[in-house]
C-alpha atoms as a PDB file:
ATOM      1  CA  MET A   1       2.561  25.825  59.039  1.00  0.00           C
ATOM      2  CA  ASN A   2       2.148  25.310  55.282  1.00  0.00           C
ATOM      3  CA  LEU A   3       4.840  23.807  53.068  1.00  0.00           C
ATOM      4  CA  ARG A   4       5.969  27.141  51.648  1.00  0.00           C
ATOM      5  CA  SER A   5       6.430  28.616  55.130  1.00  0.00           C
ATOM      6  CA  PHE A   6       8.277  25.512  56.275  1.00  0.00           C
ATOM      7  CA  LEU A   7      10.662  25.624  53.308  1.00  0.00           C
ATOM      8  CA  THR A   8      11.290  29.340  53.810  1.00  0.00           C
ATOM      9  CA  LEU A   9      12.051  28.786  57.498  1.00  0.00           C
ATOM     10  CA  THR A  10      14.343  25.882  56.683  1.00  0.00           C
ATOM     11  CA  SER A  11      16.186  28.003  54.146  1.00  0.00           C
ATOM     12  CA  LEU A  12      16.662  30.814  56.660  1.00  0.00           C
ATOM     13  CA  ILE A  13      17.948  28.421  59.323  1.00  0.00           C
ATOM     14  CA  THR A  14      20.348  26.807  56.847  1.00  0.00           C
ATOM     15  CA  SER A  15      21.617  30.195  55.683  1.00  0.00           C
ATOM     16  CA  ALA A  16      22.130  31.363  59.251  1.00  0.00           C
ATOM     17  CA  ALA A  17      24.000  28.178  60.139  1.00  0.00           C
ATOM     18  CA  PHE A  18      26.208  28.547  57.065  1.00  0.00           C
ATOM     19  CA  ALA A  19      26.977  32.169  57.904  1.00  0.00           C
ATOM     20  CA  ALA A  20      27.849  31.217  61.475  1.00  0.00           C
ATOM     21  CA  GLU A  21      30.508  28.833  60.196  1.00  0.00           C
ATOM     22  CA  LEU A  22      32.375  31.520  58.253  1.00  0.00           C
ATOM     23  CA  PRO A  23      35.607  32.762  59.849  1.00  0.00           C
ATOM     24  CA  LYS A  24      35.200  36.141  61.519  1.00  0.00           C
ATOM     25  CA  ILE A  25      36.712  38.890  59.388  1.00  0.00           C
ATOM     26  CA  PRO A  26      39.058  41.176  61.340  1.00  0.00           C
ATOM     27  CA  SER A  27      37.386  44.566  61.570  1.00  0.00           C
ATOM     28  CA  LYS A  28      40.710  46.371  61.190  1.00  0.00           C
ATOM     29  CA  SER A  29      43.473  45.973  58.642  1.00  0.00           C
ATOM     30  CA  ILE A  30      45.890  43.101  59.275  1.00  0.00           C
ATOM     31  CA  ALA A  31      48.601  44.950  57.299  1.00  0.00           C
ATOM     32  CA  THR A  32      50.633  48.116  57.659  1.00  0.00           C
ATOM     33  CA  LYS A  33      51.742  49.543  54.312  1.00  0.00           C
ATOM     34  CA  LYS A  34      55.481  50.098  53.776  1.00  0.00           C
ATOM     35  CA  GLU A  35      57.037  51.293  50.503  1.00  0.00           C
ATOM     36  CA  ILE A  36      54.920  51.377  47.371  1.00  0.00           C
ATOM     37  CA  LEU A  37      56.170  48.903  44.757  1.00  0.00           C
ATOM     38  CA  PHE A  38      53.946  49.720  41.802  1.00  0.00           C
ATOM     39  CA  SER A  39      51.076  51.910  40.631  1.00  0.00           C
ATOM     40  CA  ASP A  40      49.253  52.406  37.339  1.00  0.00           C
ATOM     41  CA  ASP A  41      46.249  54.594  36.475  1.00  0.00           C
ATOM     42  CA  PHE A  42      46.112  53.293  32.873  1.00  0.00           C
ATOM     43  CA  GLU A  43      46.062  56.786  31.398  1.00  0.00           C
ATOM     44  CA  SER A  44      48.739  55.835  28.852  1.00  0.00           C
ATOM     45  CA  ALA A  45      47.677  54.654  25.406  1.00  0.00           C
ATOM     46  CA  ALA A  46      49.114  51.192  26.117  1.00  0.00           C
ATOM     47  CA  PRO A  47      49.818  49.175  29.272  1.00  0.00           C
ATOM     48  CA  ALA A  48      53.129  49.895  30.993  1.00  0.00           C
ATOM     49  CA  LYS A  49      55.922  47.573  29.850  1.00  0.00           C
ATOM     50  CA  VAL A  50      55.994  45.752  33.189  1.00  0.00           C
ATOM     51  CA  TRP A  51      52.576  44.270  32.355  1.00  0.00           C
ATOM     52  CA  HIS A  52      52.416  41.101  30.302  1.00  0.00           C
ATOM     53  CA  LYS A  53      49.557  39.043  28.953  1.00  0.00           C
ATOM     54  CA  VAL A  54      49.231  35.614  30.507  1.00  0.00           C
ATOM     55  CA  VAL A  55      45.923  34.580  28.948  1.00  0.00           C
ATOM     56  CA  ALA A  56      44.543  37.115  26.438  1.00  0.00           C
ATOM     57  CA  THR A  57      42.625  39.429  26.124  1.00  0.00           C
ATOM     58  CA  PHE A  58      43.288  42.698  28.002  1.00  0.00           C
ATOM     59  CA  ALA A  59      43.402  46.223  26.590  1.00  0.00           C
ATOM     60  CA  VAL A  60      43.681  49.780  27.842  1.00  0.00           C
ATOM     61  CA  GLU A  61      40.378  51.527  27.177  1.00  0.00           C
ATOM     62  CA  ASN A  62      39.380  55.056  28.252  1.00  0.00           C
ATOM     63  CA  GLY A  63      41.917  55.165  31.059  1.00  0.00           C
ATOM     64  CA  THR A  64      41.071  51.715  32.407  1.00  0.00           C
ATOM     65  CA  LEU A  65      42.312  48.138  31.944  1.00  0.00           C
ATOM     66  CA  LYS A  66      39.625  46.012  30.325  1.00  0.00           C
ATOM     67  CA  GLY A  67      39.673  42.223  30.526  1.00  0.00           C
ATOM     68  CA  THR A  68      37.540  39.959  28.330  1.00  0.00           C
ATOM     69  CA  GLN A  69      37.529  36.173  28.456  1.00  0.00           C
ATOM     70  CA  THR A  70      37.963  34.751  24.955  1.00  0.00           C
ATOM     71  CA  ARG A  71      38.776  31.127  25.787  1.00  0.00           C
ATOM     72  CA  VAL A  72      35.222  30.311  26.829  1.00  0.00           C
ATOM     73  CA  THR A  73      34.929  26.603  25.990  1.00  0.00           C
ATOM     74  CA  ASN A  74      37.248  23.605  25.753  1.00  0.00           C
ATOM     75  CA  ILE A  75      38.131  22.801  22.143  1.00  0.00           C
ATOM     76  CA  PRO A  76      39.846  19.471  21.405  1.00  0.00           C
ATOM     77  CA  ALA A  77      42.890  19.279  19.162  1.00  0.00           C
ATOM     78  CA  ALA A  78      41.967  18.856  15.496  1.00  0.00           C
ATOM     79  CA  ASP A  79      43.372  19.399  12.011  1.00  0.00           C
ATOM     80  CA  GLY A  80      46.872  19.901  13.355  1.00  0.00           C
ATOM     81  CA  LYS A  81      45.754  22.601  15.761  1.00  0.00           C
ATOM     82  CA  PRO A  82      46.428  22.239  19.513  1.00  0.00           C
ATOM     83  CA  ALA A  83      43.633  21.857  22.042  1.00  0.00           C
ATOM     84  CA  ILE A  84      42.294  24.985  23.721  1.00  0.00           C
ATOM     85  CA  THR A  85      41.292  24.932  27.377  1.00  0.00           C
ATOM     86  CA  ALA A  86      38.690  27.366  28.682  1.00  0.00           C
ATOM     87  CA  HIS A  87      40.372  29.958  30.898  1.00  0.00           C
ATOM     88  CA  ALA A  88      39.776  33.415  32.299  1.00  0.00           C
ATOM     89  CA  ALA A  89      41.675  36.343  30.783  1.00  0.00           C
ATOM     90  CA  VAL A  90      44.809  37.012  32.881  1.00  0.00           C
ATOM     91  CA  HIS A  91      47.173  40.003  33.002  1.00  0.00           C
ATOM     92  CA  GLY A  92      50.418  39.742  35.005  1.00  0.00           C
ATOM     93  CA  LEU A  93      53.011  41.740  36.900  1.00  0.00           C
ATOM     94  CA  GLU A  94      56.451  40.559  37.966  1.00  0.00           C
ATOM     95  CA  ILE A  95      56.451  42.012  41.489  1.00  0.00           C
ATOM     96  CA  PRO A  96      58.047  39.746  44.113  1.00  0.00           C
ATOM     97  CA  THR A  97      56.297  40.081  47.468  1.00  0.00           C
ATOM     98  CA  ARG A  98      55.858  38.128  50.648  1.00  0.00           C
ATOM     99  CA  ASP A  99      53.472  40.321  52.612  1.00  0.00           C
ATOM    100  CA  SER A 100      51.632  42.984  50.649  1.00  0.00           C
ATOM    101  CA  VAL A 101      48.628  45.208  50.128  1.00  0.00           C
ATOM    102  CA  VAL A 102      47.078  45.312  46.655  1.00  0.00           C
ATOM    103  CA  GLU A 103      44.471  47.991  45.991  1.00  0.00           C
ATOM    104  CA  THR A 104      42.551  48.425  42.748  1.00  0.00           C
ATOM    105  CA  LYS A 105      39.232  49.672  41.475  1.00  0.00           C
ATOM    106  CA  ILE A 106      37.064  47.036  39.780  1.00  0.00           C
ATOM    107  CA  ARG A 107      33.876  47.205  37.712  1.00  0.00           C
ATOM    108  CA  PHE A 108      31.649  44.459  36.315  1.00  0.00           C
ATOM    109  CA  GLU A 109      30.226  44.953  32.829  1.00  0.00           C
ATOM    110  CA  GLY A 110      29.151  41.403  32.088  1.00  0.00           C
ATOM    111  CA  ALA A 111      32.076  39.664  33.795  1.00  0.00           C
ATOM    112  CA  THR A 112      31.177  36.768  36.069  1.00  0.00           C
ATOM    113  CA  MET A 113      34.377  36.968  38.145  1.00  0.00           C
ATOM    114  CA  ILE A 114      37.231  39.410  38.772  1.00  0.00           C
ATOM    115  CA  ASP A 115      40.245  38.373  40.834  1.00  0.00           C
ATOM    116  CA  VAL A 116      43.683  39.178  42.208  1.00  0.00           C
ATOM    117  CA  GLU A 117      46.078  36.224  42.229  1.00  0.00           C
ATOM    118  CA  PHE A 118      49.551  35.532  43.619  1.00  0.00           C
ATOM    119  CA  ASP A 119      51.873  33.041  41.907  1.00  0.00           C
ATOM    120  CA  ASP A 120      55.425  31.719  42.040  1.00  0.00           C
ATOM    121  CA  ARG A 121      56.346  30.061  38.754  1.00  0.00           C
ATOM    122  CA  LYS A 122      59.572  28.677  40.247  1.00  0.00           C
ATOM    123  CA  TYR A 123      57.682  26.751  42.917  1.00  0.00           C
ATOM    124  CA  THR A 124      57.170  23.181  41.734  1.00  0.00           C
ATOM    125  CA  GLY A 125      55.012  21.862  44.560  1.00  0.00           C
ATOM    126  CA  CYS A 126      51.768  22.948  42.927  1.00  0.00           C
ATOM    127  CA  HIS A 127      50.306  23.321  39.462  1.00  0.00           C
ATOM    128  CA  TYR A 128      51.813  26.274  37.574  1.00  0.00           C
ATOM    129  CA  GLY A 129      52.987  27.877  40.798  1.00  0.00           C
ATOM    130  CA  HIS A 130      49.535  29.056  41.849  1.00  0.00           C
ATOM    131  CA  ILE A 131      49.783  30.254  45.470  1.00  0.00           C
ATOM    132  CA  CYS A 132      46.589  32.048  46.526  1.00  0.00           C
ATOM    133  CA  ARG A 133      43.887  34.353  45.212  1.00  0.00           C
ATOM    134  CA  ALA A 134      40.866  36.496  46.033  1.00  0.00           C
ATOM    135  CA  GLN A 135      37.917  36.176  43.670  1.00  0.00           C
ATOM    136  CA  VAL A 136      35.075  38.688  43.484  1.00  0.00           C
ATOM    137  CA  ARG A 137      31.660  37.892  42.032  1.00  0.00           C
ATOM    138  CA  LEU A 138      28.499  39.950  42.178  1.00  0.00           C
ATOM    139  CA  ASN A 139      27.121  37.635  44.862  1.00  0.00           C
ATOM    140  CA  GLY A 140      30.217  36.536  46.753  1.00  0.00           C
ATOM    141  CA  ILE A 141      33.873  36.902  47.729  1.00  0.00           C
ATOM    142  CA  THR A 142      36.026  33.765  47.633  1.00  0.00           C
ATOM    143  CA  LEU A 143      39.504  33.465  49.144  1.00  0.00           C
ATOM    144  CA  ILE A 144      41.593  30.446  48.152  1.00  0.00           C
ATOM    145  CA  ASP A 145      44.834  28.855  49.328  1.00  0.00           C
ATOM    146  CA  GLU A 146      45.869  27.114  46.122  1.00  0.00           C
ATOM    147  CA  ARG A 147      49.409  26.103  47.070  1.00  0.00           C
ATOM    148  CA  ASP A 148      48.228  23.734  49.795  1.00  0.00           C
ATOM    149  CA  GLY A 149      44.758  23.304  48.337  1.00  0.00           C
ATOM    150  CA  GLY A 150      43.380  22.439  44.925  1.00  0.00           C
ATOM    151  CA  MET A 151      46.577  23.230  43.000  1.00  0.00           C
ATOM    152  CA  ARG A 152      48.894  21.142  45.197  1.00  0.00           C
ATOM    153  CA  ASN A 153      50.324  18.518  42.869  1.00  0.00           C
ATOM    154  CA  ASP A 154      48.870  15.427  44.519  1.00  0.00           C
ATOM    155  CA  ILE A 155      45.440  16.985  45.036  1.00  0.00           C
ATOM    156  CA  TYR A 156      45.424  18.420  41.508  1.00  0.00           C
ATOM    157  CA  ALA A 157      46.082  14.921  40.133  1.00  0.00           C
ATOM    158  CA  MET A 158      43.436  13.336  42.376  1.00  0.00           C
ATOM    159  CA  LYS A 159      40.790  15.794  41.158  1.00  0.00           C
ATOM    160  CA  LYS A 160      40.926  14.122  37.760  1.00  0.00           C
ATOM    161  CA  ASP A 161      39.688  10.842  39.279  1.00  0.00           C
ATOM    162  CA  PRO A 162      35.927  10.915  40.071  1.00  0.00           C
ATOM    163  CA  ALA A 163      36.410   8.016  42.480  1.00  0.00           C
ATOM    164  CA  LYS A 164      38.533  10.258  44.728  1.00  0.00           C
ATOM    165  CA  LYS A 165      36.019  13.093  44.979  1.00  0.00           C
ATOM    166  CA  ALA A 166      35.279  12.490  48.671  1.00  0.00           C
ATOM    167  CA  GLU A 167      38.980  12.181  49.525  1.00  0.00           C
ATOM    168  CA  VAL A 168      39.728  15.433  47.708  1.00  0.00           C
ATOM    169  CA  ALA A 169      36.906  17.198  49.528  1.00  0.00           C
ATOM    170  CA  LYS A 170      38.446  16.251  52.898  1.00  0.00           C
ATOM    171  CA  LEU A 171      41.858  17.536  51.846  1.00  0.00           C
ATOM    172  CA  LEU A 172      40.366  20.863  50.773  1.00  0.00           C
ATOM    173  CA  VAL A 173      38.608  21.616  54.048  1.00  0.00           C
ATOM    174  CA  GLY A 174      39.770  25.003  55.295  1.00  0.00           C
ATOM    175  CA  ARG A 175      41.647  25.862  52.083  1.00  0.00           C
ATOM    176  CA  SER A 176      38.980  28.246  50.756  1.00  0.00           C
ATOM    177  CA  VAL A 177      36.030  30.248  51.993  1.00  0.00           C
ATOM    178  CA  THR A 178      33.211  32.195  50.347  1.00  0.00           C
ATOM    179  CA  TYR A 179      31.402  35.138  51.905  1.00  0.00           C
ATOM    180  CA  PRO A 180      28.112  36.491  50.548  1.00  0.00           C
ATOM    181  CA  ALA A 181      28.213  39.829  48.733  1.00  0.00           C
ATOM    182  CA  LYS A 182      25.818  42.077  46.859  1.00  0.00           C
ATOM    183  CA  LEU A 183      27.577  44.029  44.145  1.00  0.00           C
ATOM    184  CA  GLU A 184      26.144  45.791  41.097  1.00  0.00           C
ATOM    185  CA  THR A 185      27.041  45.777  37.425  1.00  0.00           C
ATOM    186  CA  GLY A 186      28.356  49.106  36.142  1.00  0.00           C
ATOM    187  CA  LYS A 187      29.538  50.389  39.525  1.00  0.00           C
ATOM    188  CA  TRP A 188      33.149  50.971  40.565  1.00  0.00           C
ATOM    189  CA  TYR A 189      34.336  49.319  43.789  1.00  0.00           C
ATOM    190  CA  ILE A 190      37.655  49.617  45.601  1.00  0.00           C
ATOM    191  CA  LEU A 191      39.061  46.139  46.195  1.00  0.00           C
ATOM    192  CA  VAL A 192      41.880  45.721  48.723  1.00  0.00           C
ATOM    193  CA  VAL A 193      43.670  42.398  49.219  1.00  0.00           C
ATOM    194  CA  GLU A 194      46.017  42.072  52.210  1.00  0.00           C
ATOM    195  CA  THR A 195      48.330  39.083  52.628  1.00  0.00           C
ATOM    196  CA  ILE A 196      50.223  38.866  55.905  1.00  0.00           C
ATOM    197  CA  GLY A 197      51.863  35.591  56.912  1.00  0.00           C
ATOM    198  CA  ASP A 198      49.279  32.847  56.471  1.00  0.00           C
ATOM    199  CA  GLU A 199      46.347  35.272  56.452  1.00  0.00           C
ATOM    200  CA  MET A 200      44.473  37.004  53.642  1.00  0.00           C
ATOM    201  CA  ARG A 201      41.899  39.744  54.224  1.00  0.00           C
ATOM    202  CA  VAL A 202      39.698  41.427  51.625  1.00  0.00           C
ATOM    203  CA  THR A 203      37.738  44.661  51.808  1.00  0.00           C
ATOM    204  CA  ILE A 204      35.286  46.214  49.347  1.00  0.00           C
ATOM    205  CA  ASP A 205      34.987  50.000  49.601  1.00  0.00           C
ATOM    206  CA  GLY A 206      36.694  49.820  52.979  1.00  0.00           C
ATOM    207  CA  LYS A 207      34.253  47.290  54.440  1.00  0.00           C
ATOM    208  CA  PRO A 208      35.478  43.831  55.583  1.00  0.00           C
ATOM    209  CA  ALA A 209      34.435  41.310  52.932  1.00  0.00           C
ATOM    210  CA  GLY A 210      36.521  38.156  53.414  1.00  0.00           C
ATOM    211  CA  PHE A 211      39.205  36.452  55.493  1.00  0.00           C
ATOM    212  CA  LEU A 212      41.170  33.201  55.222  1.00  0.00           C
ATOM    213  CA  LYS A 213      43.947  31.768  57.352  1.00  0.00           C
ATOM    214  CA  SER A 214      45.727  28.886  55.616  1.00  0.00           C
ATOM    215  CA  SER A 215      49.345  27.720  55.383  1.00  0.00           C
ATOM    216  CA  GLY A 216      49.867  28.239  51.640  1.00  0.00           C
ATOM    217  CA  ILE A 217      49.206  31.974  51.903  1.00  0.00           C
ATOM    218  CA  ALA A 218      52.483  32.274  53.847  1.00  0.00           C
ATOM    219  CA  HIS A 219      54.523  31.238  50.785  1.00  0.00           C
ATOM    220  CA  ALA A 220      57.823  33.098  51.086  1.00  0.00           C
ATOM    221  CA  THR A 221      58.063  34.476  47.545  1.00  0.00           C
ATOM    222  CA  LYS A 222      54.936  35.491  45.680  1.00  0.00           C
ATOM    223  CA  SER A 223      56.808  36.482  42.534  1.00  0.00           C
ATOM    224  CA  LYS A 224      53.818  37.428  40.388  1.00  0.00           C
ATOM    225  CA  ILE A 225      50.599  39.342  40.871  1.00  0.00           C
ATOM    226  CA  GLU A 226      47.958  38.578  38.258  1.00  0.00           C
ATOM    227  CA  LEU A 227      44.570  40.111  37.490  1.00  0.00           C
ATOM    228  CA  GLY A 228      41.869  37.857  36.099  1.00  0.00           C
ATOM    229  CA  VAL A 229      38.498  38.298  34.400  1.00  0.00           C
ATOM    230  CA  ALA A 230      35.985  35.569  33.584  1.00  0.00           C
ATOM    231  CA  GLY A 231      33.178  36.468  31.190  1.00  0.00           C
ATOM    232  CA  LYS A 232      32.667  39.763  29.365  1.00  0.00           C
ATOM    233  CA  ASP A 233      33.757  42.375  30.484  1.00  0.00           C
ATOM    234  CA  GLY A 234      35.656  43.361  33.657  1.00  0.00           C
ATOM    235  CA  PHE A 235      37.574  46.568  34.346  1.00  0.00           C
ATOM    236  CA  PHE A 236      40.476  47.594  36.589  1.00  0.00           C
ATOM    237  CA  ASP A 237      41.769  51.057  37.401  1.00  0.00           C
ATOM    238  CA  ASP A 238      44.181  52.809  39.766  1.00  0.00           C
ATOM    239  CA  ILE A 239      46.073  49.738  40.925  1.00  0.00           C
ATOM    240  CA  LYS A 240      48.645  50.123  43.709  1.00  0.00           C
ATOM    241  CA  VAL A 241      50.898  47.522  45.353  1.00  0.00           C
ATOM    242  CA  TRP A 242      52.697  48.030  48.664  1.00  0.00           C
ATOM    243  CA  ASN A 243      55.125  45.956  50.655  1.00  0.00           C
ATOM    244  CA  ALA A 244      53.594  45.409  54.066  1.00  0.00           C
ATOM    245  CA  GLU A 245      54.144  44.136  57.572  1.00  0.00           C
ATOM    246  CA  ALA A 246      51.748  42.814  60.178  1.00  0.00           C
ATOM    247  CA  ALA A 247      49.676  45.545  61.783  1.00  0.00           C
ATOM    248  CA  ARG A 248      50.314  46.019  65.484  1.00  0.00           C
END
């Protein structure tokens, strides 16, 4: 066996082992929809008043919601101007939920990441009340428990100390998971995010795409739903939010 064949085989074995470690995604929905709480097809000239900008820039464009990251790099404070921290564009909704189903169409047009996030600004146990989120990239789906993971106050503080990198890594085991995906730029996909108890399940065009079971997901009051876009540009359309209960 030559070196190239050996490396290819090793890569395949490693990939297979990694895939085997991923939690099995339930083949059926974990949620049963109840009453619908919100919907928007973005056909109005401006976003509905319930929307608010968290981190600019979003705009309604041709019947869709377009997000573009403008805070791309960290800029230190200078000449009396405050520092700017790189951050994805974020658009928010004040919709208190505990268990829910969020459905929206998404499209990549240069964006590197599109996500649906749940927050509770009144919760002080983690940075900025970040609870959990589902991130979509062209090559992967990542589900994150932020409340008891990387945004938990003590862990968030420890992450700033390089000497505690190994300790942080141990604390974050099981708090996030990434599944491989193969999405295309310029194509619409239907993203569904279900949160039931301490479980989050994601589907893309009706196909199981991700699953995470972690304590922070069960946060009792997810007071905000936020849409995020990293890079340029990402689109949303036909968003719907339902209250939900565990499927039987």
